[in-house]
Amino acid sequence: MVSQGRGSGVWPPAQTLLGHAYFNGEGVQQDQALAISWYRKAAEQGLAEAQYNLGGCYANGIGVAKDSCKR
């Protein structure tokens, strides 16, 4: 099991799945901030799906301040 405080070196698709779980409250308590954290870890490793999800969160202000220009 992956601990919440870790994530470096974890398979990016798994990080994205953790992000989905926390975002939607699937099997865990819903926590958008933690979802953003997992999406960001995967996005920084180049996973397009995570980049898309993270961008959507910034564009819509979900779990983060709305920012249409965040890079």
C-alpha atoms as a PDB file:
ATOM      1  CA  MET A   1       0.000   0.000   0.000  1.00  0.00           C
ATOM      2  CA  VAL A   2       1.229   3.501  -0.804  1.00  0.00           C
ATOM      3  CA  SER A   3       1.416   5.851   2.149  1.00  0.00           C
ATOM      4  CA  GLN A   4      -0.149   9.288   1.749  1.00  0.00           C
ATOM      5  CA  GLY A   5       3.116  11.032   2.530  1.00  0.00           C
ATOM      6  CA  ARG A   6       4.983   9.369  -0.277  1.00  0.00           C
ATOM      7  CA  GLY A   7       4.604   9.248  -4.016  1.00  0.00           C
ATOM      8  CA  SER A   8       8.024   9.812  -5.490  1.00  0.00           C
ATOM      9  CA  GLY A   9       8.931   6.883  -7.700  1.00  0.00           C
ATOM     10  CA  VAL A  10       5.406   5.473  -7.664  1.00  0.00           C
ATOM     11  CA  TRP A  11       3.946   4.423 -11.007  1.00  0.00           C
ATOM     12  CA  PRO A  12       2.182   7.562 -12.372  1.00  0.00           C
ATOM     13  CA  PRO A  13      -1.011   5.726 -13.451  1.00  0.00           C
ATOM     14  CA  ALA A  14      -1.354   4.470  -9.867  1.00  0.00           C
ATOM     15  CA  GLN A  15      -0.946   8.022  -8.596  1.00  0.00           C
ATOM     16  CA  THR A  16      -3.709   9.142 -10.944  1.00  0.00           C
ATOM     17  CA  LEU A  17      -5.985   6.356  -9.722  1.00  0.00           C
ATOM     18  CA  LEU A  18      -5.355   7.468  -6.149  1.00  0.00           C
ATOM     19  CA  GLY A  19      -6.242  10.979  -7.264  1.00  0.00           C
ATOM     20  CA  HIS A  20      -9.528   9.711  -8.734  1.00  0.00           C
ATOM     21  CA  ALA A  21     -10.314   7.792  -5.558  1.00  0.00           C
ATOM     22  CA  TYR A  22      -9.786  10.823  -3.334  1.00  0.00           C
ATOM     23  CA  PHE A  23     -11.499  13.201  -5.761  1.00  0.00           C
ATOM     24  CA  ASN A  24     -14.628  11.046  -5.934  1.00  0.00           C
ATOM     25  CA  GLY A  25     -14.539   9.510  -2.445  1.00  0.00           C
ATOM     26  CA  GLU A  26     -14.283   5.988  -3.836  1.00  0.00           C
ATOM     27  CA  GLY A  27     -13.121   3.668  -1.042  1.00  0.00           C
ATOM     28  CA  VAL A  28     -11.698   6.617   0.902  1.00  0.00           C
ATOM     29  CA  GLN A  29     -13.093   9.787   2.402  1.00  0.00           C
ATOM     30  CA  GLN A  30     -13.386  12.448  -0.303  1.00  0.00           C
ATOM     31  CA  ASP A  31     -10.470  14.868  -0.106  1.00  0.00           C
ATOM     32  CA  GLN A  32      -9.974  17.167  -3.082  1.00  0.00           C
ATOM     33  CA  ALA A  33      -6.708  18.609  -1.746  1.00  0.00           C
ATOM     34  CA  LEU A  34      -5.214  15.129  -1.509  1.00  0.00           C
ATOM     35  CA  ALA A  35      -6.566  14.293  -4.967  1.00  0.00           C
ATOM     36  CA  ILE A  36      -4.820  17.378  -6.360  1.00  0.00           C
ATOM     37  CA  SER A  37      -1.600  16.271  -4.684  1.00  0.00           C
ATOM     38  CA  TRP A  38      -1.721  12.834  -6.351  1.00  0.00           C
ATOM     39  CA  TYR A  39      -2.682  14.313  -9.727  1.00  0.00           C
ATOM     40  CA  ARG A  40       0.226  16.750  -9.461  1.00  0.00           C
ATOM     41  CA  LYS A  41       2.733  13.960  -8.670  1.00  0.00           C
ATOM     42  CA  ALA A  42       1.651  12.009 -11.747  1.00  0.00           C
ATOM     43  CA  ALA A  43       1.459  15.136 -13.924  1.00  0.00           C
ATOM     44  CA  GLU A  44       5.013  16.113 -12.999  1.00  0.00           C
ATOM     45  CA  GLN A  45       6.123  12.726 -14.327  1.00  0.00           C
ATOM     46  CA  GLY A  46       4.469  13.465 -17.671  1.00  0.00           C
ATOM     47  CA  LEU A  47       1.232  11.482 -17.456  1.00  0.00           C
ATOM     48  CA  ALA A  48      -1.207  13.238 -19.793  1.00  0.00           C
ATOM     49  CA  GLU A  49      -4.352  12.039 -17.990  1.00  0.00           C
ATOM     50  CA  ALA A  50      -3.106  13.509 -14.712  1.00  0.00           C
ATOM     51  CA  GLN A  51      -2.137  16.746 -16.452  1.00  0.00           C
ATOM     52  CA  TYR A  52      -5.639  16.960 -17.915  1.00  0.00           C
ATOM     53  CA  ASN A  53      -7.307  16.283 -14.550  1.00  0.00           C
ATOM     54  CA  LEU A  54      -5.088  18.776 -12.751  1.00  0.00           C
ATOM     55  CA  GLY A  55      -5.752  21.390 -15.435  1.00  0.00           C
ATOM     56  CA  GLY A  56      -9.481  20.841 -15.074  1.00  0.00           C
ATOM     57  CA  CYS A  57      -9.229  21.384 -11.338  1.00  0.00           C
ATOM     58  CA  TYR A  58      -7.375  24.684 -11.831  1.00  0.00           C
ATOM     59  CA  ALA A  59      -9.686  25.815 -14.626  1.00  0.00           C
ATOM     60  CA  ASN A  60     -12.774  25.191 -12.500  1.00  0.00           C
ATOM     61  CA  GLY A  61     -11.370  26.054  -9.068  1.00  0.00           C
ATOM     62  CA  ILE A  62     -11.919  22.556  -7.690  1.00  0.00           C
ATOM     63  CA  GLY A  63      -9.698  21.933  -4.666  1.00  0.00           C
ATOM     64  CA  VAL A  64      -7.456  24.858  -5.658  1.00  0.00           C
ATOM     65  CA  ALA A  65      -7.838  28.537  -6.438  1.00  0.00           C
ATOM     66  CA  LYS A  66      -9.237  29.025  -9.945  1.00  0.00           C
ATOM     67  CA  ASP A  67      -6.370  29.765 -12.316  1.00  0.00           C
ATOM     68  CA  SER A  68      -6.803  29.467 -16.083  1.00  0.00           C
ATOM     69  CA  CYS A  69      -3.108  30.255 -16.641  1.00  0.00           C
ATOM     70  CA  LYS A  70      -1.468  27.797 -14.197  1.00  0.00           C
ATOM     71  CA  ARG A  71       1.551  26.037 -15.712  1.00  0.00           C
END
